[in-house]
């Protein structure tokens, strides 16, 4: 079996197409959860920093946080890199479900 990746596959390029850091977090969260209708990303500005708050269903919290917080931390790293490319600073908080 050929192990080379499919040449016709192109990963989404959200940030390259003028997307925002908020859309990046929404895209990642929607890819992880079972109930995408419950995904909400709130964005707040505090001086020169953007604060994003991710809300997901209670059942999806484990998927978004990951083992020892690895998934959430990976999302934070991607967010910081994407924000830095735009000359901004950003943070991500995963909110407790209501």
PDB file of N, CA and C in Angstrom:
ATOM      1  N   UNK A   1       0.841  -1.176   0.000  1.00  0.00           N
ATOM      2  CA  UNK A   1       0.000   0.000   0.000  1.00  0.00           C
ATOM      3  C   UNK A   1       0.887   1.240   0.000  1.00  0.00           C
ATOM      4  N   UNK A   2       0.514   2.214  -0.795  1.00  0.00           N
ATOM      5  CA  UNK A   2       1.269   3.454  -0.918  1.00  0.00           C
ATOM      6  C   UNK A   2       1.031   4.325   0.307  1.00  0.00           C
ATOM      7  N   UNK A   3       2.089   4.740   0.985  1.00  0.00           N
ATOM      8  CA  UNK A   3       1.965   5.525   2.211  1.00  0.00           C
ATOM      9  C   UNK A   3       2.058   7.029   1.962  1.00  0.00           C
ATOM     10  N   UNK A   4       2.208   7.440   0.715  1.00  0.00           N
ATOM     11  CA  UNK A   4       2.286   8.868   0.433  1.00  0.00           C
ATOM     12  C   UNK A   4       0.914   9.512   0.600  1.00  0.00           C
ATOM     13  N   UNK A   5       0.883  10.780   1.078  1.00  0.00           N
ATOM     14  CA  UNK A   5      -0.410  11.453   1.228  1.00  0.00           C
ATOM     15  C   UNK A   5      -1.054  11.715  -0.127  1.00  0.00           C
ATOM     16  N   UNK A   6      -2.356  11.803  -0.102  1.00  0.00           N
ATOM     17  CA  UNK A   6      -3.123  12.079  -1.310  1.00  0.00           C
ATOM     18  C   UNK A   6      -2.732  13.452  -1.845  1.00  0.00           C
ATOM     19  N   UNK A   7      -2.273  13.520  -3.077  1.00  0.00           N
ATOM     20  CA  UNK A   7      -1.791  14.778  -3.652  1.00  0.00           C
ATOM     21  C   UNK A   7      -2.918  15.785  -3.853  1.00  0.00           C
ATOM     22  N   UNK A   8      -4.155  15.329  -3.957  1.00  0.00           N
ATOM     23  CA  UNK A   8      -5.266  16.253  -4.188  1.00  0.00           C
ATOM     24  C   UNK A   8      -5.801  16.857  -2.880  1.00  0.00           C
ATOM     25  N   UNK A   9      -5.396  16.328  -1.739  1.00  0.00           N
ATOM     26  CA  UNK A   9      -5.870  16.835  -0.458  1.00  0.00           C
ATOM     27  C   UNK A   9      -5.178  18.146  -0.135  1.00  0.00           C
ATOM     28  N   UNK A  10      -5.961  19.136   0.233  1.00  0.00           N
ATOM     29  CA  UNK A  10      -5.429  20.422   0.670  1.00  0.00           C
ATOM     30  C   UNK A  10      -6.050  20.754   2.017  1.00  0.00           C
ATOM     31  N   UNK A  11      -5.217  20.936   3.073  1.00  0.00           N
ATOM     32  CA  UNK A  11      -5.781  21.287   4.376  1.00  0.00           C
ATOM     33  C   UNK A  11      -6.387  22.681   4.330  1.00  0.00           C
ATOM     34  N   UNK A  12      -7.366  22.946   5.186  1.00  0.00           N
ATOM     35  CA  UNK A  12      -7.978  24.274   5.196  1.00  0.00           C
ATOM     36  C   UNK A  12      -6.962  25.338   5.566  1.00  0.00           C
ATOM     37  N   UNK A  13      -7.075  26.486   4.938  1.00  0.00           N
ATOM     38  CA  UNK A  13      -6.148  27.587   5.192  1.00  0.00           C
ATOM     39  C   UNK A  13      -6.928  28.768   5.721  1.00  0.00           C
ATOM     40  N   UNK A  14      -7.464  28.628   6.894  1.00  0.00           N
ATOM     41  CA  UNK A  14      -8.341  29.636   7.474  1.00  0.00           C
ATOM     42  C   UNK A  14      -7.606  30.961   7.642  1.00  0.00           C
ATOM     43  N   UNK A  15      -6.469  30.951   8.263  1.00  0.00           N
ATOM     44  CA  UNK A  15      -5.776  32.195   8.559  1.00  0.00           C
ATOM     45  C   UNK A  15      -5.210  32.827   7.297  1.00  0.00           C
ATOM     46  N   UNK A  16      -4.806  32.047   6.324  1.00  0.00           N
ATOM     47  CA  UNK A  16      -4.223  32.600   5.111  1.00  0.00           C
ATOM     48  C   UNK A  16      -5.270  33.309   4.254  1.00  0.00           C
ATOM     49  N   UNK A  17      -6.519  32.996   4.450  1.00  0.00           N
ATOM     50  CA  UNK A  17      -7.576  33.573   3.635  1.00  0.00           C
ATOM     51  C   UNK A  17      -8.279  34.729   4.333  1.00  0.00           C
ATOM     52  N   UNK A  18      -7.607  35.360   5.275  1.00  0.00           N
ATOM     53  CA  UNK A  18      -8.181  36.523   5.934  1.00  0.00           C
ATOM     54  C   UNK A  18      -9.094  36.194   7.096  1.00  0.00           C
ATOM     55  N   UNK A  19      -9.044  34.963   7.591  1.00  0.00           N
ATOM     56  CA  UNK A  19      -9.864  34.586   8.732  1.00  0.00           C
ATOM     57  C   UNK A  19      -9.331  35.216   9.999  1.00  0.00           C
ATOM     58  N   UNK A  20     -10.092  35.123  11.041  1.00  0.00           N
ATOM     59  CA  UNK A  20      -9.687  35.680  12.320  1.00  0.00           C
ATOM     60  C   UNK A  20      -9.255  34.563  13.257  1.00  0.00           C
ATOM     61  N   UNK A  21      -8.630  34.948  14.355  1.00  0.00           N
ATOM     62  CA  UNK A  21      -8.224  33.955  15.342  1.00  0.00           C
ATOM     63  C   UNK A  21      -9.454  33.298  15.958  1.00  0.00           C
ATOM     64  N   UNK A  22     -10.544  34.034  16.055  1.00  0.00           N
ATOM     65  CA  UNK A  22     -11.800  33.470  16.563  1.00  0.00           C
ATOM     66  C   UNK A  22     -12.279  32.333  15.655  1.00  0.00           C
ATOM     67  N   UNK A  23     -12.219  32.548  14.348  1.00  0.00           N
ATOM     68  CA  UNK A  23     -12.637  31.510  13.402  1.00  0.00           C
ATOM     69  C   UNK A  23     -11.732  30.289  13.470  1.00  0.00           C
ATOM     70  N   UNK A  24     -10.455  30.502  13.750  1.00  0.00           N
ATOM     71  CA  UNK A  24      -9.529  29.380  13.895  1.00  0.00           C
ATOM     72  C   UNK A  24      -9.942  28.496  15.063  1.00  0.00           C
ATOM     73  N   UNK A  25     -10.227  29.105  16.219  1.00  0.00           N
ATOM     74  CA  UNK A  25     -10.626  28.340  17.397  1.00  0.00           C
ATOM     75  C   UNK A  25     -11.968  27.647  17.154  1.00  0.00           C
ATOM     76  N   UNK A  26     -12.906  28.330  16.507  1.00  0.00           N
ATOM     77  CA  UNK A  26     -14.188  27.702  16.169  1.00  0.00           C
ATOM     78  C   UNK A  26     -13.981  26.477  15.287  1.00  0.00           C
ATOM     79  N   UNK A  27     -13.133  26.600  14.295  1.00  0.00           N
ATOM     80  CA  UNK A  27     -12.874  25.490  13.373  1.00  0.00           C
ATOM     81  C   UNK A  27     -12.297  24.288  14.114  1.00  0.00           C
ATOM     82  N   UNK A  28     -11.316  24.533  14.967  1.00  0.00           N
ATOM     83  CA  UNK A  28     -10.694  23.438  15.716  1.00  0.00           C
ATOM     84  C   UNK A  28     -11.711  22.787  16.648  1.00  0.00           C
ATOM     85  N   UNK A  29     -12.467  23.600  17.380  1.00  0.00           N
ATOM     86  CA  UNK A  29     -13.448  23.066  18.326  1.00  0.00           C
ATOM     87  C   UNK A  29     -14.531  22.268  17.606  1.00  0.00           C
ATOM     88  N   UNK A  30     -15.019  22.786  16.480  1.00  0.00           N
ATOM     89  CA  UNK A  30     -16.049  22.070  15.724  1.00  0.00           C
ATOM     90  C   UNK A  30     -15.535  20.733  15.215  1.00  0.00           C
ATOM     91  N   UNK A  31     -14.244  20.634  14.965  1.00  0.00           N
ATOM     92  CA  UNK A  31     -13.652  19.380  14.496  1.00  0.00           C
ATOM     93  C   UNK A  31     -13.546  18.352  15.614  1.00  0.00           C
ATOM     94  N   UNK A  32     -13.538  18.811  16.855  1.00  0.00           N
ATOM     95  CA  UNK A  32     -13.327  17.911  17.989  1.00  0.00           C
ATOM     96  C   UNK A  32     -14.611  17.396  18.631  1.00  0.00           C
ATOM     97  N   UNK A  33     -15.658  18.194  18.649  1.00  0.00           N
ATOM     98  CA  UNK A  33     -16.832  17.885  19.469  1.00  0.00           C
ATOM     99  C   UNK A  33     -17.852  17.004  18.752  1.00  0.00           C
ATOM    100  N   UNK A  34     -18.721  16.384  19.557  1.00  0.00           N
ATOM    101  CA  UNK A  34     -19.834  15.592  19.026  1.00  0.00           C
ATOM    102  C   UNK A  34     -21.061  16.457  18.776  1.00  0.00           C
ATOM    103  N   UNK A  35     -21.199  17.552  19.529  1.00  0.00           N
ATOM    104  CA  UNK A  35     -22.366  18.428  19.409  1.00  0.00           C
ATOM    105  C   UNK A  35     -21.918  19.822  18.964  1.00  0.00           C
ATOM    106  N   UNK A  36     -21.740  20.024  17.646  1.00  0.00           N
ATOM    107  CA  UNK A  36     -21.240  21.310  17.165  1.00  0.00           C
ATOM    108  C   UNK A  36     -22.192  22.478  17.401  1.00  0.00           C
ATOM    109  N   UNK A  37     -23.469  22.214  17.654  1.00  0.00           N
ATOM    110  CA  UNK A  37     -24.416  23.305  17.885  1.00  0.00           C
ATOM    111  C   UNK A  37     -24.141  24.025  19.208  1.00  0.00           C
ATOM    112  N   UNK A  38     -23.391  23.392  20.110  1.00  0.00           N
ATOM    113  CA  UNK A  38     -23.093  23.973  21.414  1.00  0.00           C
ATOM    114  C   UNK A  38     -21.784  24.759  21.448  1.00  0.00           C
ATOM    115  N   UNK A  39     -21.050  24.787  20.330  1.00  0.00           N
ATOM    116  CA  UNK A  39     -19.771  25.494  20.295  1.00  0.00           C
ATOM    117  C   UNK A  39     -20.019  26.986  20.119  1.00  0.00           C
ATOM    118  N   UNK A  40     -19.524  27.762  21.088  1.00  0.00           N
ATOM    119  CA  UNK A  40     -19.623  29.220  21.033  1.00  0.00           C
ATOM    120  C   UNK A  40     -18.273  29.785  21.440  1.00  0.00           C
ATOM    121  N   UNK A  41     -17.748  30.701  20.626  1.00  0.00           N
ATOM    122  CA  UNK A  41     -16.501  31.373  20.966  1.00  0.00           C
ATOM    123  C   UNK A  41     -16.811  32.848  21.154  1.00  0.00           C
ATOM    124  N   UNK A  42     -16.564  33.346  22.368  1.00  0.00           N
ATOM    125  CA  UNK A  42     -16.764  34.757  22.681  1.00  0.00           C
ATOM    126  C   UNK A  42     -15.408  35.445  22.618  1.00  0.00           C
ATOM    127  N   UNK A  43     -15.414  36.650  22.083  1.00  0.00           N
ATOM    128  CA  UNK A  43     -14.161  37.384  21.921  1.00  0.00           C
ATOM    129  C   UNK A  43     -14.268  38.725  22.640  1.00  0.00           C
ATOM    130  N   UNK A  44     -13.273  39.011  23.480  1.00  0.00           N
ATOM    131  CA  UNK A  44     -13.220  40.259  24.226  1.00  0.00           C
ATOM    132  C   UNK A  44     -11.868  40.906  23.997  1.00  0.00           C
ATOM    133  N   UNK A  45     -11.856  42.219  23.929  1.00  0.00           N
ATOM    134  CA  UNK A  45     -10.590  42.941  23.795  1.00  0.00           C
ATOM    135  C   UNK A  45     -10.253  43.584  25.136  1.00  0.00           C
ATOM    136  N   UNK A  46      -9.011  43.446  25.514  1.00  0.00           N
ATOM    137  CA  UNK A  46      -8.521  44.048  26.745  1.00  0.00           C
ATOM    138  C   UNK A  46      -7.210  44.743  26.402  1.00  0.00           C
ATOM    139  N   UNK A  47      -7.290  46.018  26.050  1.00  0.00           N
ATOM    140  CA  UNK A  47      -6.107  46.731  25.594  1.00  0.00           C
ATOM    141  C   UNK A  47      -5.679  46.188  24.239  1.00  0.00           C
ATOM    142  N   UNK A  48      -4.429  45.770  24.122  1.00  0.00           N
ATOM    143  CA  UNK A  48      -3.926  45.212  22.868  1.00  0.00           C
ATOM    144  C   UNK A  48      -4.060  43.705  22.798  1.00  0.00           C
ATOM    145  N   UNK A  49      -4.702  43.101  23.772  1.00  0.00           N
ATOM    146  CA  UNK A  49      -4.827  41.635  23.833  1.00  0.00           C
ATOM    147  C   UNK A  49      -6.260  41.211  23.561  1.00  0.00           C
ATOM    148  N   UNK A  50      -6.393  40.124  22.822  1.00  0.00           N
ATOM    149  CA  UNK A  50      -7.712  39.540  22.576  1.00  0.00           C
ATOM    150  C   UNK A  50      -7.875  38.329  23.478  1.00  0.00           C
ATOM    151  N   UNK A  51      -8.973  38.279  24.198  1.00  0.00           N
ATOM    152  CA  UNK A  51      -9.295  37.143  25.057  1.00  0.00           C
ATOM    153  C   UNK A  51     -10.435  36.381  24.416  1.00  0.00           C
ATOM    154  N   UNK A  52     -10.222  35.090  24.176  1.00  0.00           N
ATOM    155  CA  UNK A  52     -11.260  34.244  23.617  1.00  0.00           C
ATOM    156  C   UNK A  52     -11.720  33.262  24.676  1.00  0.00           C
ATOM    157  N   UNK A  53     -13.028  33.039  24.727  1.00  0.00           N
ATOM    158  CA  UNK A  53     -13.608  32.101  25.682  1.00  0.00           C
ATOM    159  C   UNK A  53     -14.396  31.069  24.898  1.00  0.00           C
ATOM    160  N   UNK A  54     -14.045  29.806  25.068  1.00  0.00           N
ATOM    161  CA  UNK A  54     -14.668  28.711  24.336  1.00  0.00           C
ATOM    162  C   UNK A  54     -15.691  28.022  25.222  1.00  0.00           C
ATOM    163  N   UNK A  55     -16.917  27.912  24.720  1.00  0.00           N
ATOM    164  CA  UNK A  55     -18.000  27.203  25.407  1.00  0.00           C
ATOM    165  C   UNK A  55     -18.381  25.992  24.571  1.00  0.00           C
ATOM    166  N   UNK A  56     -18.426  24.821  25.209  1.00  0.00           N
ATOM    167  CA  UNK A  56     -18.871  23.592  24.548  1.00  0.00           C
ATOM    168  C   UNK A  56     -19.820  22.857  25.483  1.00  0.00           C
ATOM    169  N   UNK A  57     -20.486  21.837  24.956  1.00  0.00           N
ATOM    170  CA  UNK A  57     -21.394  21.022  25.776  1.00  0.00           C
ATOM    171  C   UNK A  57     -20.592  20.288  26.857  1.00  0.00           C
ATOM    172  N   UNK A  58     -21.255  19.994  27.950  1.00  0.00           N
ATOM    173  CA  UNK A  58     -20.606  19.318  29.076  1.00  0.00           C
ATOM    174  C   UNK A  58     -19.979  17.996  28.644  1.00  0.00           C
ATOM    175  N   UNK A  59     -20.651  17.283  27.751  1.00  0.00           N
ATOM    176  CA  UNK A  59     -20.163  15.982  27.293  1.00  0.00           C
ATOM    177  C   UNK A  59     -18.898  16.102  26.441  1.00  0.00           C
ATOM    178  N   UNK A  60     -18.649  17.276  25.868  1.00  0.00           N
ATOM    179  CA  UNK A  60     -17.504  17.477  24.982  1.00  0.00           C
ATOM    180  C   UNK A  60     -16.305  18.117  25.676  1.00  0.00           C
ATOM    181  N   UNK A  61     -16.430  18.435  26.945  1.00  0.00           N
ATOM    182  CA  UNK A  61     -15.332  19.087  27.657  1.00  0.00           C
ATOM    183  C   UNK A  61     -14.058  18.242  27.636  1.00  0.00           C
ATOM    184  N   UNK A  62     -14.192  16.956  27.817  1.00  0.00           N
ATOM    185  CA  UNK A  62     -13.025  16.073  27.811  1.00  0.00           C
ATOM    186  C   UNK A  62     -12.310  16.068  26.476  1.00  0.00           C
ATOM    187  N   UNK A  63     -13.055  16.146  25.400  1.00  0.00           N
ATOM    188  CA  UNK A  63     -12.455  16.168  24.067  1.00  0.00           C
ATOM    189  C   UNK A  63     -11.680  17.466  23.832  1.00  0.00           C
ATOM    190  N   UNK A  64     -12.229  18.568  24.310  1.00  0.00           N
ATOM    191  CA  UNK A  64     -11.612  19.873  24.073  1.00  0.00           C
ATOM    192  C   UNK A  64     -10.407  20.083  24.994  1.00  0.00           C
ATOM    193  N   UNK A  65     -10.489  19.610  26.223  1.00  0.00           N
ATOM    194  CA  UNK A  65      -9.384  19.787  27.161  1.00  0.00           C
ATOM    195  C   UNK A  65      -8.296  18.752  26.906  1.00  0.00           C
ATOM    196  N   UNK A  66      -8.691  17.507  26.694  1.00  0.00           N
ATOM    197  CA  UNK A  66      -7.712  16.459  26.423  1.00  0.00           C
ATOM    198  C   UNK A  66      -7.055  15.943  27.688  1.00  0.00           C
ATOM    199  N   UNK A  67      -6.273  14.906  27.524  1.00  0.00           N
ATOM    200  CA  UNK A  67      -5.589  14.288  28.650  1.00  0.00           C
ATOM    201  C   UNK A  67      -4.520  15.251  29.169  1.00  0.00           C
ATOM    202  N   UNK A  68      -4.598  15.571  30.443  1.00  0.00           N
ATOM    203  CA  UNK A  68      -3.685  16.511  31.100  1.00  0.00           C
ATOM    204  C   UNK A  68      -3.688  17.885  30.437  1.00  0.00           C
ATOM    205  N   UNK A  69      -4.775  18.227  29.753  1.00  0.00           N
ATOM    206  CA  UNK A  69      -4.895  19.547  29.138  1.00  0.00           C
ATOM    207  C   UNK A  69      -4.119  19.727  27.854  1.00  0.00           C
ATOM    208  N   UNK A  70      -3.698  18.643  27.245  1.00  0.00           N
ATOM    209  CA  UNK A  70      -2.845  18.732  26.054  1.00  0.00           C
ATOM    210  C   UNK A  70      -3.552  19.337  24.855  1.00  0.00           C
ATOM    211  N   UNK A  71      -4.794  18.993  24.631  1.00  0.00           N
ATOM    212  CA  UNK A  71      -5.522  19.532  23.478  1.00  0.00           C
ATOM    213  C   UNK A  71      -5.750  21.033  23.650  1.00  0.00           C
ATOM    214  N   UNK A  72      -6.192  21.435  24.832  1.00  0.00           N
ATOM    215  CA  UNK A  72      -6.417  22.858  25.099  1.00  0.00           C
ATOM    216  C   UNK A  72      -5.114  23.645  24.971  1.00  0.00           C
ATOM    217  N   UNK A  73      -4.026  23.091  25.466  1.00  0.00           N
ATOM    218  CA  UNK A  73      -2.743  23.784  25.354  1.00  0.00           C
ATOM    219  C   UNK A  73      -2.281  23.872  23.904  1.00  0.00           C
ATOM    220  N   UNK A  74      -2.536  22.844  23.122  1.00  0.00           N
ATOM    221  CA  UNK A  74      -2.181  22.892  21.700  1.00  0.00           C
ATOM    222  C   UNK A  74      -3.001  23.964  20.987  1.00  0.00           C
ATOM    223  N   UNK A  75      -4.274  24.085  21.350  1.00  0.00           N
ATOM    224  CA  UNK A  75      -5.106  25.143  20.765  1.00  0.00           C
ATOM    225  C   UNK A  75      -4.565  26.515  21.151  1.00  0.00           C
ATOM    226  N   UNK A  76      -4.098  26.655  22.375  1.00  0.00           N
ATOM    227  CA  UNK A  76      -3.535  27.938  22.822  1.00  0.00           C
ATOM    228  C   UNK A  76      -2.269  28.292  22.042  1.00  0.00           C
ATOM    229  N   UNK A  77      -1.438  27.287  21.776  1.00  0.00           N
ATOM    230  CA  UNK A  77      -0.213  27.526  21.014  1.00  0.00           C
ATOM    231  C   UNK A  77      -0.563  27.973  19.596  1.00  0.00           C
ATOM    232  N   UNK A  78      -1.495  27.278  18.958  1.00  0.00           N
ATOM    233  CA  UNK A  78      -1.916  27.668  17.611  1.00  0.00           C
ATOM    234  C   UNK A  78      -2.508  29.073  17.598  1.00  0.00           C
ATOM    235  N   UNK A  79      -3.275  29.389  18.616  1.00  0.00           N
ATOM    236  CA  UNK A  79      -3.877  30.719  18.729  1.00  0.00           C
ATOM    237  C   UNK A  79      -2.802  31.795  18.853  1.00  0.00           C
ATOM    238  N   UNK A  80      -1.815  31.557  19.712  1.00  0.00           N
ATOM    239  CA  UNK A  80      -0.745  32.547  19.885  1.00  0.00           C
ATOM    240  C   UNK A  80       0.041  32.752  18.596  1.00  0.00           C
ATOM    241  N   UNK A  81       0.317  31.680  17.877  1.00  0.00           N
ATOM    242  CA  UNK A  81       1.058  31.787  16.617  1.00  0.00           C
ATOM    243  C   UNK A  81       0.246  32.562  15.584  1.00  0.00           C
ATOM    244  N   UNK A  82      -1.044  32.216  15.457  1.00  0.00           N
ATOM    245  CA  UNK A  82      -1.904  32.903  14.491  1.00  0.00           C
ATOM    246  C   UNK A  82      -2.043  34.382  14.841  1.00  0.00           C
ATOM    247  N   UNK A  83      -2.174  34.686  16.118  1.00  0.00           N
ATOM    248  CA  UNK A  83      -2.300  36.080  16.544  1.00  0.00           C
ATOM    249  C   UNK A  83      -0.995  36.836  16.295  1.00  0.00           C
ATOM    250  N   UNK A  84       0.128  36.199  16.554  1.00  0.00           N
ATOM    251  CA  UNK A  84       1.421  36.842  16.339  1.00  0.00           C
ATOM    252  C   UNK A  84       1.628  37.173  14.863  1.00  0.00           C
ATOM    253  N   UNK A  85       1.134  36.324  13.986  1.00  0.00           N
ATOM    254  CA  UNK A  85       1.239  36.594  12.544  1.00  0.00           C
ATOM    255  C   UNK A  85       0.463  37.851  12.160  1.00  0.00           C
ATOM    256  N   UNK A  86      -0.542  38.186  12.946  1.00  0.00           N
ATOM    257  CA  UNK A  86      -1.337  39.391  12.705  1.00  0.00           C
ATOM    258  C   UNK A  86      -0.844  40.557  13.554  1.00  0.00           C
ATOM    259  N   UNK A  87       0.225  40.346  14.312  1.00  0.00           N
ATOM    260  CA  UNK A  87       0.765  41.393  15.168  1.00  0.00           C
ATOM    261  C   UNK A  87      -0.056  41.635  16.419  1.00  0.00           C
ATOM    262  N   UNK A  88      -0.744  40.609  16.892  1.00  0.00           N
ATOM    263  CA  UNK A  88      -1.606  40.721  18.068  1.00  0.00           C
ATOM    264  C   UNK A  88      -1.167  39.736  19.134  1.00  0.00           C
ATOM    265  N   UNK A  89      -1.801  39.831  20.296  1.00  0.00           N
ATOM    266  CA  UNK A  89      -1.646  38.853  21.359  1.00  0.00           C
ATOM    267  C   UNK A  89      -3.026  38.308  21.678  1.00  0.00           C
ATOM    268  N   UNK A  90      -3.106  37.026  21.969  1.00  0.00           N
ATOM    269  CA  UNK A  90      -4.406  36.418  22.249  1.00  0.00           C
ATOM    270  C   UNK A  90      -4.255  35.319  23.294  1.00  0.00           C
ATOM    271  N   UNK A  91      -5.314  35.130  24.069  1.00  0.00           N
ATOM    272  CA  UNK A  91      -5.370  34.059  25.054  1.00  0.00           C
ATOM    273  C   UNK A  91      -6.685  33.298  24.882  1.00  0.00           C
ATOM    274  N   UNK A  92      -6.690  32.055  25.332  1.00  0.00           N
ATOM    275  CA  UNK A  92      -7.881  31.207  25.227  1.00  0.00           C
ATOM    276  C   UNK A  92      -8.216  30.628  26.588  1.00  0.00           C
ATOM    277  N   UNK A  93      -9.490  30.747  26.959  1.00  0.00           N
ATOM    278  CA  UNK A  93     -10.010  30.105  28.166  1.00  0.00           C
ATOM    279  C   UNK A  93     -11.137  29.172  27.748  1.00  0.00           C
ATOM    280  N   UNK A  94     -11.142  27.979  28.325  1.00  0.00           N
ATOM    281  CA  UNK A  94     -12.232  27.040  28.097  1.00  0.00           C
ATOM    282  C   UNK A  94     -13.167  27.186  29.289  1.00  0.00           C
ATOM    283  N   UNK A  95     -14.397  27.639  29.018  1.00  0.00           N
ATOM    284  CA  UNK A  95     -15.356  27.944  30.083  1.00  0.00           C
ATOM    285  C   UNK A  95     -16.049  26.681  30.576  1.00  0.00           C
ATOM    286  N   UNK A  96     -16.385  26.704  31.859  1.00  0.00           N
ATOM    287  CA  UNK A  96     -17.172  25.619  32.443  1.00  0.00           C
ATOM    288  C   UNK A  96     -18.564  25.612  31.833  1.00  0.00           C
ATOM    289  N   UNK A  97     -19.098  24.442  31.489  1.00  0.00           N
ATOM    290  CA  UNK A  97     -20.456  24.397  30.950  1.00  0.00           C
ATOM    291  C   UNK A  97     -21.478  24.769  32.002  1.00  0.00           C
ATOM    292  N   UNK A  98     -22.568  25.353  31.548  1.00  0.00           N
ATOM    293  CA  UNK A  98     -23.632  25.799  32.465  1.00  0.00           C
ATOM    294  C   UNK A  98     -24.601  24.717  32.760  1.00  0.00           C
TER     295      UNK A  98
END
